[in-house]
Amino acid sequence: MSQLLIEIDTPEDEAILRSLLPKLNGRVVATNPLLDESRPIEQTNLKEAIRVLRNANTALKFGEAAEWQRNERDGDRTLYGR
């Protein structure tokens, strides 16, 4: 199985593609409501944007800052006289 990210310019082309998906054993896994140009920007609210980002498959995890700093310093050389 493979997943594709497809960009389509017109709603008519999107409708054609969606009608072809069942014939190709394909399906729409997710849509991005923030990129839907048919909706006015005012309707895209902050809660929806946060929900989309939370459900996205991106690694937005920040760990402990002090732990990161210790790990970064492990590779430093020791200074002369210390």
PDB file of N, CA and C in Angstrom:
ATOM      1  N   MET A   1       0.854  -1.170   0.000  1.00  0.00           N
ATOM      2  CA  MET A   1       0.000   0.000   0.000  1.00  0.00           C
ATOM      3  C   MET A   1       0.897   1.230   0.000  1.00  0.00           C
ATOM      4  N   SER A   2       0.510   2.233  -0.721  1.00  0.00           N
ATOM      5  CA  SER A   2       1.233   3.497  -0.719  1.00  0.00           C
ATOM      6  C   SER A   2       0.236   4.628  -0.536  1.00  0.00           C
ATOM      7  N   GLN A   3       0.733   5.724  -0.016  1.00  0.00           N
ATOM      8  CA  GLN A   3      -0.097   6.906   0.180  1.00  0.00           C
ATOM      9  C   GLN A   3       0.492   8.033  -0.651  1.00  0.00           C
ATOM     10  N   LEU A   4      -0.387   8.832  -1.234  1.00  0.00           N
ATOM     11  CA  LEU A   4       0.027   9.943  -2.073  1.00  0.00           C
ATOM     12  C   LEU A   4      -0.569  11.233  -1.545  1.00  0.00           C
ATOM     13  N   LEU A   5       0.173  12.290  -1.655  1.00  0.00           N
ATOM     14  CA  LEU A   5      -0.341  13.621  -1.364  1.00  0.00           C
ATOM     15  C   LEU A   5      -0.538  14.291  -2.712  1.00  0.00           C
ATOM     16  N   ILE A   6      -1.785  14.612  -3.031  1.00  0.00           N
ATOM     17  CA  ILE A   6      -2.122  15.126  -4.355  1.00  0.00           C
ATOM     18  C   ILE A   6      -2.668  16.530  -4.220  1.00  0.00           C
ATOM     19  N   GLU A   7      -2.204  17.404  -5.085  1.00  0.00           N
ATOM     20  CA  GLU A   7      -2.677  18.782  -5.106  1.00  0.00           C
ATOM     21  C   GLU A   7      -3.495  18.977  -6.385  1.00  0.00           C
ATOM     22  N   ILE A   8      -4.730  19.440  -6.230  1.00  0.00           N
ATOM     23  CA  ILE A   8      -5.632  19.605  -7.367  1.00  0.00           C
ATOM     24  C   ILE A   8      -6.097  21.056  -7.394  1.00  0.00           C
ATOM     25  N   ASP A   9      -6.121  21.635  -8.589  1.00  0.00           N
ATOM     26  CA  ASP A   9      -6.429  23.055  -8.718  1.00  0.00           C
ATOM     27  C   ASP A   9      -7.919  23.380  -8.684  1.00  0.00           C
ATOM     28  N   THR A  10      -8.746  22.525  -9.258  1.00  0.00           N
ATOM     29  CA  THR A  10     -10.161  22.877  -9.368  1.00  0.00           C
ATOM     30  C   THR A  10     -11.043  21.837  -8.684  1.00  0.00           C
ATOM     31  N   PRO A  11     -12.190  22.255  -8.183  1.00  0.00           N
ATOM     32  CA  PRO A  11     -13.129  21.306  -7.583  1.00  0.00           C
ATOM     33  C   PRO A  11     -13.639  20.272  -8.586  1.00  0.00           C
ATOM     34  N   GLU A  12     -13.717  20.653  -9.857  1.00  0.00           N
ATOM     35  CA  GLU A  12     -14.175  19.725 -10.878  1.00  0.00           C
ATOM     36  C   GLU A  12     -13.188  18.561 -11.034  1.00  0.00           C
ATOM     37  N   ASP A  13     -11.891  18.893 -11.044  1.00  0.00           N
ATOM     38  CA  ASP A  13     -10.875  17.852 -11.144  1.00  0.00           C
ATOM     39  C   ASP A  13     -10.891  16.957  -9.904  1.00  0.00           C
ATOM     40  N   GLU A  14     -11.130  17.547  -8.747  1.00  0.00           N
ATOM     41  CA  GLU A  14     -11.214  16.753  -7.522  1.00  0.00           C
ATOM     42  C   GLU A  14     -12.385  15.777  -7.589  1.00  0.00           C
ATOM     43  N   ALA A  15     -13.513  16.231  -8.115  1.00  0.00           N
ATOM     44  CA  ALA A  15     -14.682  15.358  -8.242  1.00  0.00           C
ATOM     45  C   ALA A  15     -14.395  14.191  -9.185  1.00  0.00           C
ATOM     46  N   ILE A  16     -13.686  14.458 -10.267  1.00  0.00           N
ATOM     47  CA  ILE A  16     -13.328  13.386 -11.201  1.00  0.00           C
ATOM     48  C   ILE A  16     -12.421  12.369 -10.518  1.00  0.00           C
ATOM     49  N   LEU A  17     -11.428  12.858  -9.786  1.00  0.00           N
ATOM     50  CA  LEU A  17     -10.514  11.961  -9.098  1.00  0.00           C
ATOM     51  C   LEU A  17     -11.229  11.128  -8.044  1.00  0.00           C
ATOM     52  N   ARG A  18     -12.113  11.752  -7.285  1.00  0.00           N
ATOM     53  CA  ARG A  18     -12.860  11.015  -6.260  1.00  0.00           C
ATOM     54  C   ARG A  18     -13.771   9.955  -6.884  1.00  0.00           C
ATOM     55  N   SER A  19     -14.297  10.227  -8.070  1.00  0.00           N
ATOM     56  CA  SER A  19     -15.149   9.225  -8.721  1.00  0.00           C
ATOM     57  C   SER A  19     -14.325   8.039  -9.237  1.00  0.00           C
ATOM     58  N   LEU A  20     -13.036   8.258  -9.517  1.00  0.00           N
ATOM     59  CA  LEU A  20     -12.174   7.184  -9.998  1.00  0.00           C
ATOM     60  C   LEU A  20     -11.612   6.317  -8.868  1.00  0.00           C
ATOM     61  N   LEU A  21     -11.556   6.824  -7.669  1.00  0.00           N
ATOM     62  CA  LEU A  21     -10.939   6.091  -6.567  1.00  0.00           C
ATOM     63  C   LEU A  21     -11.530   4.705  -6.321  1.00  0.00           C
ATOM     64  N   PRO A  22     -12.854   4.536  -6.284  1.00  0.00           N
ATOM     65  CA  PRO A  22     -13.387   3.184  -6.046  1.00  0.00           C
ATOM     66  C   PRO A  22     -13.001   2.189  -7.146  1.00  0.00           C
ATOM     67  N   LYS A  23     -12.881   2.668  -8.369  1.00  0.00           N
ATOM     68  CA  LYS A  23     -12.496   1.783  -9.469  1.00  0.00           C
ATOM     69  C   LYS A  23     -11.053   1.316  -9.338  1.00  0.00           C
ATOM     70  N   LEU A  24     -10.230   2.113  -8.646  1.00  0.00           N
ATOM     71  CA  LEU A  24      -8.812   1.787  -8.465  1.00  0.00           C
ATOM     72  C   LEU A  24      -8.531   1.210  -7.088  1.00  0.00           C
ATOM     73  N   ASN A  25      -9.590   0.835  -6.363  1.00  0.00           N
ATOM     74  CA  ASN A  25      -9.470   0.343  -4.991  1.00  0.00           C
ATOM     75  C   ASN A  25      -8.747   1.358  -4.097  1.00  0.00           C
ATOM     76  N   GLY A  26      -9.031   2.609  -4.316  1.00  0.00           N
ATOM     77  CA  GLY A  26      -8.433   3.677  -3.517  1.00  0.00           C
ATOM     78  C   GLY A  26      -9.466   4.314  -2.607  1.00  0.00           C
ATOM     79  N   ARG A  27      -8.990   5.059  -1.658  1.00  0.00           N
ATOM     80  CA  ARG A  27      -9.895   5.753  -0.739  1.00  0.00           C
ATOM     81  C   ARG A  27      -9.217   7.007  -0.238  1.00  0.00           C
ATOM     82  N   VAL A  28     -10.009   7.943   0.223  1.00  0.00           N
ATOM     83  CA  VAL A  28      -9.491   9.169   0.820  1.00  0.00           C
ATOM     84  C   VAL A  28      -9.251   8.878   2.293  1.00  0.00           C
ATOM     85  N   VAL A  29      -8.013   9.007   2.721  1.00  0.00           N
ATOM     86  CA  VAL A  29      -7.661   8.722   4.107  1.00  0.00           C
ATOM     87  C   VAL A  29      -7.924   9.936   4.981  1.00  0.00           C
ATOM     88  N   ALA A  30      -7.533  11.107   4.510  1.00  0.00           N
ATOM     89  CA  ALA A  30      -7.721  12.335   5.287  1.00  0.00           C
ATOM     90  C   ALA A  30      -7.771  13.519   4.337  1.00  0.00           C
ATOM     91  N   THR A  31      -8.452  14.530   4.753  1.00  0.00           N
ATOM     92  CA  THR A  31      -8.465  15.793   4.023  1.00  0.00           C
ATOM     93  C   THR A  31      -8.017  16.882   4.978  1.00  0.00           C
ATOM     94  N   ASN A  32      -7.463  17.936   4.449  1.00  0.00           N
ATOM     95  CA  ASN A  32      -6.997  19.037   5.269  1.00  0.00           C
ATOM     96  C   ASN A  32      -8.003  20.178   5.157  1.00  0.00           C
ATOM     97  N   PRO A  33      -8.829  20.381   6.177  1.00  0.00           N
ATOM     98  CA  PRO A  33      -9.840  21.427   6.091  1.00  0.00           C
ATOM     99  C   PRO A  33      -9.245  22.821   6.037  1.00  0.00           C
ATOM    100  N   LEU A  34      -8.011  22.985   6.470  1.00  0.00           N
ATOM    101  CA  LEU A  34      -7.393  24.308   6.435  1.00  0.00           C
ATOM    102  C   LEU A  34      -7.031  24.734   5.022  1.00  0.00           C
ATOM    103  N   LEU A  35      -6.893  23.760   4.109  1.00  0.00           N
ATOM    104  CA  LEU A  35      -6.544  24.072   2.731  1.00  0.00           C
ATOM    105  C   LEU A  35      -7.745  24.106   1.805  1.00  0.00           C
ATOM    106  N   ASP A  36      -8.932  23.894   2.337  1.00  0.00           N
ATOM    107  CA  ASP A  36     -10.143  23.882   1.532  1.00  0.00           C
ATOM    108  C   ASP A  36     -10.471  25.313   1.124  1.00  0.00           C
ATOM    109  N   GLU A  37     -10.265  25.633  -0.148  1.00  0.00           N
ATOM    110  CA  GLU A  37     -10.470  27.000  -0.628  1.00  0.00           C
ATOM    111  C   GLU A  37     -11.935  27.347  -0.823  1.00  0.00           C
ATOM    112  N   SER A  38     -12.821  26.362  -0.764  1.00  0.00           N
ATOM    113  CA  SER A  38     -14.233  26.656  -0.959  1.00  0.00           C
ATOM    114  C   SER A  38     -14.840  27.297   0.294  1.00  0.00           C
ATOM    115  N   ARG A  39     -14.161  27.148   1.435  1.00  0.00           N
ATOM    116  CA  ARG A  39     -14.650  27.757   2.670  1.00  0.00           C
ATOM    117  C   ARG A  39     -13.949  29.098   2.896  1.00  0.00           C
ATOM    118  N   PRO A  40     -14.672  30.078   3.377  1.00  0.00           N
ATOM    119  CA  PRO A  40     -14.012  31.339   3.705  1.00  0.00           C
ATOM    120  C   PRO A  40     -13.025  31.146   4.855  1.00  0.00           C
ATOM    121  N   ILE A  41     -12.013  31.983   4.886  1.00  0.00           N
ATOM    122  CA  ILE A  41     -10.987  31.872   5.913  1.00  0.00           C
ATOM    123  C   ILE A  41     -11.568  32.087   7.309  1.00  0.00           C
ATOM    124  N   GLU A  42     -12.594  32.896   7.446  1.00  0.00           N
ATOM    125  CA  GLU A  42     -13.178  33.181   8.754  1.00  0.00           C
ATOM    126  C   GLU A  42     -13.706  31.915   9.429  1.00  0.00           C
ATOM    127  N   GLN A  43     -14.132  30.915   8.638  1.00  0.00           N
ATOM    128  CA  GLN A  43     -14.699  29.701   9.214  1.00  0.00           C
ATOM    129  C   GLN A  43     -13.636  28.764   9.764  1.00  0.00           C
ATOM    130  N   THR A  44     -12.380  28.961   9.394  1.00  0.00           N
ATOM    131  CA  THR A  44     -11.293  28.137   9.906  1.00  0.00           C
ATOM    132  C   THR A  44     -10.864  28.736  11.234  1.00  0.00           C
ATOM    133  N   ASN A  45     -11.278  28.108  12.315  1.00  0.00           N
ATOM    134  CA  ASN A  45     -10.997  28.684  13.624  1.00  0.00           C
ATOM    135  C   ASN A  45      -9.781  28.028  14.260  1.00  0.00           C
ATOM    136  N   LEU A  46      -9.373  28.559  15.370  1.00  0.00           N
ATOM    137  CA  LEU A  46      -8.174  28.110  16.047  1.00  0.00           C
ATOM    138  C   LEU A  46      -8.305  26.676  16.552  1.00  0.00           C
ATOM    139  N   LYS A  47      -9.470  26.313  17.083  1.00  0.00           N
ATOM    140  CA  LYS A  47      -9.648  24.950  17.590  1.00  0.00           C
ATOM    141  C   LYS A  47      -9.471  23.925  16.475  1.00  0.00           C
ATOM    142  N   GLU A  48      -9.990  24.225  15.303  1.00  0.00           N
ATOM    143  CA  GLU A  48      -9.860  23.306  14.182  1.00  0.00           C
ATOM    144  C   GLU A  48      -8.403  23.196  13.743  1.00  0.00           C
ATOM    145  N   ALA A  49      -7.699  24.325  13.730  1.00  0.00           N
ATOM    146  CA  ALA A  49      -6.288  24.311  13.352  1.00  0.00           C
ATOM    147  C   ALA A  49      -5.468  23.485  14.340  1.00  0.00           C
ATOM    148  N   ILE A  50      -5.748  23.622  15.613  1.00  0.00           N
ATOM    149  CA  ILE A  50      -5.031  22.845  16.626  1.00  0.00           C
ATOM    150  C   ILE A  50      -5.343  21.365  16.476  1.00  0.00           C
ATOM    151  N   ARG A  51      -6.600  21.027  16.184  1.00  0.00           N
ATOM    152  CA  ARG A  51      -6.974  19.627  16.000  1.00  0.00           C
ATOM    153  C   ARG A  51      -6.245  19.023  14.810  1.00  0.00           C
ATOM    154  N   VAL A  52      -6.140  19.778  13.728  1.00  0.00           N
ATOM    155  CA  VAL A  52      -5.453  19.270  12.539  1.00  0.00           C
ATOM    156  C   VAL A  52      -3.971  19.057  12.841  1.00  0.00           C
ATOM    157  N   LEU A  53      -3.358  20.000  13.541  1.00  0.00           N
ATOM    158  CA  LEU A  53      -1.945  19.851  13.879  1.00  0.00           C
ATOM    159  C   LEU A  53      -1.719  18.693  14.834  1.00  0.00           C
ATOM    160  N   ARG A  54      -2.632  18.499  15.775  1.00  0.00           N
ATOM    161  CA  ARG A  54      -2.496  17.409  16.738  1.00  0.00           C
ATOM    162  C   ARG A  54      -2.603  16.057  16.040  1.00  0.00           C
ATOM    163  N   ASN A  55      -3.459  15.971  15.036  1.00  0.00           N
ATOM    164  CA  ASN A  55      -3.663  14.697  14.331  1.00  0.00           C
ATOM    165  C   ASN A  55      -2.659  14.474  13.206  1.00  0.00           C
ATOM    166  N   ALA A  56      -1.860  15.475  12.908  1.00  0.00           N
ATOM    167  CA  ALA A  56      -0.886  15.345  11.823  1.00  0.00           C
ATOM    168  C   ALA A  56       0.192  14.342  12.224  1.00  0.00           C
ATOM    169  N   ASN A  57       0.796  13.732  11.237  1.00  0.00           N
ATOM    170  CA  ASN A  57       1.836  12.735  11.501  1.00  0.00           C
ATOM    171  C   ASN A  57       3.211  13.389  11.581  1.00  0.00           C
ATOM    172  N   THR A  58       3.323  14.432  12.365  1.00  0.00           N
ATOM    173  CA  THR A  58       4.600  15.101  12.520  1.00  0.00           C
ATOM    174  C   THR A  58       5.085  14.939  13.943  1.00  0.00           C
ATOM    175  N   ALA A  59       6.360  14.940  14.108  1.00  0.00           N
ATOM    176  CA  ALA A  59       6.945  14.801  15.437  1.00  0.00           C
ATOM    177  C   ALA A  59       7.181  16.197  16.004  1.00  0.00           C
ATOM    178  N   LEU A  60       6.246  16.675  16.767  1.00  0.00           N
ATOM    179  CA  LEU A  60       6.359  17.987  17.389  1.00  0.00           C
ATOM    180  C   LEU A  60       6.559  17.827  18.891  1.00  0.00           C
ATOM    181  N   LYS A  61       7.424  16.934  19.266  1.00  0.00           N
ATOM    182  CA  LYS A  61       7.627  16.668  20.679  1.00  0.00           C
ATOM    183  C   LYS A  61       8.961  17.271  21.101  1.00  0.00           C
ATOM    184  N   PHE A  62       8.901  18.108  22.087  1.00  0.00           N
ATOM    185  CA  PHE A  62      10.093  18.720  22.633  1.00  0.00           C
ATOM    186  C   PHE A  62      10.325  18.107  23.998  1.00  0.00           C
ATOM    187  N   GLY A  63      11.522  17.641  24.228  1.00  0.00           N
ATOM    188  CA  GLY A  63      11.828  16.992  25.490  1.00  0.00           C
ATOM    189  C   GLY A  63      12.239  17.994  26.554  1.00  0.00           C
ATOM    190  N   GLU A  64      12.861  17.463  27.558  1.00  0.00           N
ATOM    191  CA  GLU A  64      13.349  18.263  28.667  1.00  0.00           C
ATOM    192  C   GLU A  64      14.539  19.092  28.189  1.00  0.00           C
ATOM    193  N   ALA A  65      14.501  20.404  28.399  1.00  0.00           N
ATOM    194  CA  ALA A  65      15.553  21.288  27.905  1.00  0.00           C
ATOM    195  C   ALA A  65      16.890  20.994  28.576  1.00  0.00           C
ATOM    196  N   ALA A  66      16.881  20.745  29.881  1.00  0.00           N
ATOM    197  CA  ALA A  66      18.127  20.472  30.593  1.00  0.00           C
ATOM    198  C   ALA A  66      18.754  19.166  30.105  1.00  0.00           C
ATOM    199  N   GLU A  67      17.939  18.164  29.810  1.00  0.00           N
ATOM    200  CA  GLU A  67      18.453  16.894  29.303  1.00  0.00           C
ATOM    201  C   GLU A  67      19.082  17.092  27.927  1.00  0.00           C
ATOM    202  N   TRP A  68      18.449  17.876  27.071  1.00  0.00           N
ATOM    203  CA  TRP A  68      19.009  18.153  25.755  1.00  0.00           C
ATOM    204  C   TRP A  68      20.355  18.849  25.892  1.00  0.00           C
ATOM    205  N   GLN A  69      20.433  19.817  26.807  1.00  0.00           N
ATOM    206  CA  GLN A  69      21.674  20.563  26.991  1.00  0.00           C
ATOM    207  C   GLN A  69      22.787  19.632  27.501  1.00  0.00           C
ATOM    208  N   ARG A  70      22.476  18.721  28.429  1.00  0.00           N
ATOM    209  CA  ARG A  70      23.473  17.756  28.913  1.00  0.00           C
ATOM    210  C   ARG A  70      23.950  16.873  27.767  1.00  0.00           C
ATOM    211  N   ASN A  71      23.041  16.412  26.949  1.00  0.00           N
ATOM    212  CA  ASN A  71      23.424  15.560  25.817  1.00  0.00           C
ATOM    213  C   ASN A  71      24.295  16.305  24.823  1.00  0.00           C
ATOM    214  N   GLU A  72      23.998  17.560  24.609  1.00  0.00           N
ATOM    215  CA  GLU A  72      24.798  18.359  23.686  1.00  0.00           C
ATOM    216  C   GLU A  72      26.199  18.587  24.245  1.00  0.00           C
ATOM    217  N   ARG A  73      26.292  18.772  25.542  1.00  0.00           N
ATOM    218  CA  ARG A  73      27.592  19.050  26.157  1.00  0.00           C
ATOM    219  C   ARG A  73      28.454  17.811  26.279  1.00  0.00           C
ATOM    220  N   ASP A  74      27.884  16.622  26.200  1.00  0.00           N
ATOM    221  CA  ASP A  74      28.673  15.395  26.297  1.00  0.00           C
ATOM    222  C   ASP A  74      29.736  15.332  25.206  1.00  0.00           C
ATOM    223  N   GLY A  75      29.448  15.869  24.052  1.00  0.00           N
ATOM    224  CA  GLY A  75      30.393  15.813  22.940  1.00  0.00           C
ATOM    225  C   GLY A  75      31.429  16.920  22.981  1.00  0.00           C
ATOM    226  N   ASP A  76      31.299  17.883  23.876  1.00  0.00           N
ATOM    227  CA  ASP A  76      32.257  18.989  23.947  1.00  0.00           C
ATOM    228  C   ASP A  76      33.590  18.497  24.493  1.00  0.00           C
ATOM    229  N   ARG A  77      34.625  19.123  24.071  1.00  0.00           N
ATOM    230  CA  ARG A  77      35.950  18.770  24.600  1.00  0.00           C
ATOM    231  C   ARG A  77      36.157  19.506  25.919  1.00  0.00           C
ATOM    232  N   THR A  78      36.979  18.943  26.755  1.00  0.00           N
ATOM    233  CA  THR A  78      37.259  19.615  28.035  1.00  0.00           C
ATOM    234  C   THR A  78      38.280  20.717  27.775  1.00  0.00           C
ATOM    235  N   LEU A  79      38.096  21.813  28.429  1.00  0.00           N
ATOM    236  CA  LEU A  79      38.984  22.964  28.255  1.00  0.00           C
ATOM    237  C   LEU A  79      40.259  22.762  29.062  1.00  0.00           C
ATOM    238  N   TYR A  80      41.307  23.290  28.542  1.00  0.00           N
ATOM    239  CA  TYR A  80      42.610  23.182  29.212  1.00  0.00           C
ATOM    240  C   TYR A  80      42.558  23.857  30.577  1.00  0.00           C
ATOM    241  N   GLY A  81      43.031  23.175  31.599  1.00  0.00           N
ATOM    242  CA  GLY A  81      43.053  23.743  32.934  1.00  0.00           C
ATOM    243  C   GLY A  81      41.788  23.542  33.738  1.00  0.00           C
ATOM    244  N   ARG A  82      40.844  22.806  33.214  1.00  0.00           N
ATOM    245  CA  ARG A  82      39.609  22.576  33.960  1.00  0.00           C
ATOM    246  C   ARG A  82      39.406  21.136  34.272  1.00  0.00           C
TER     247      ARG A  82
END
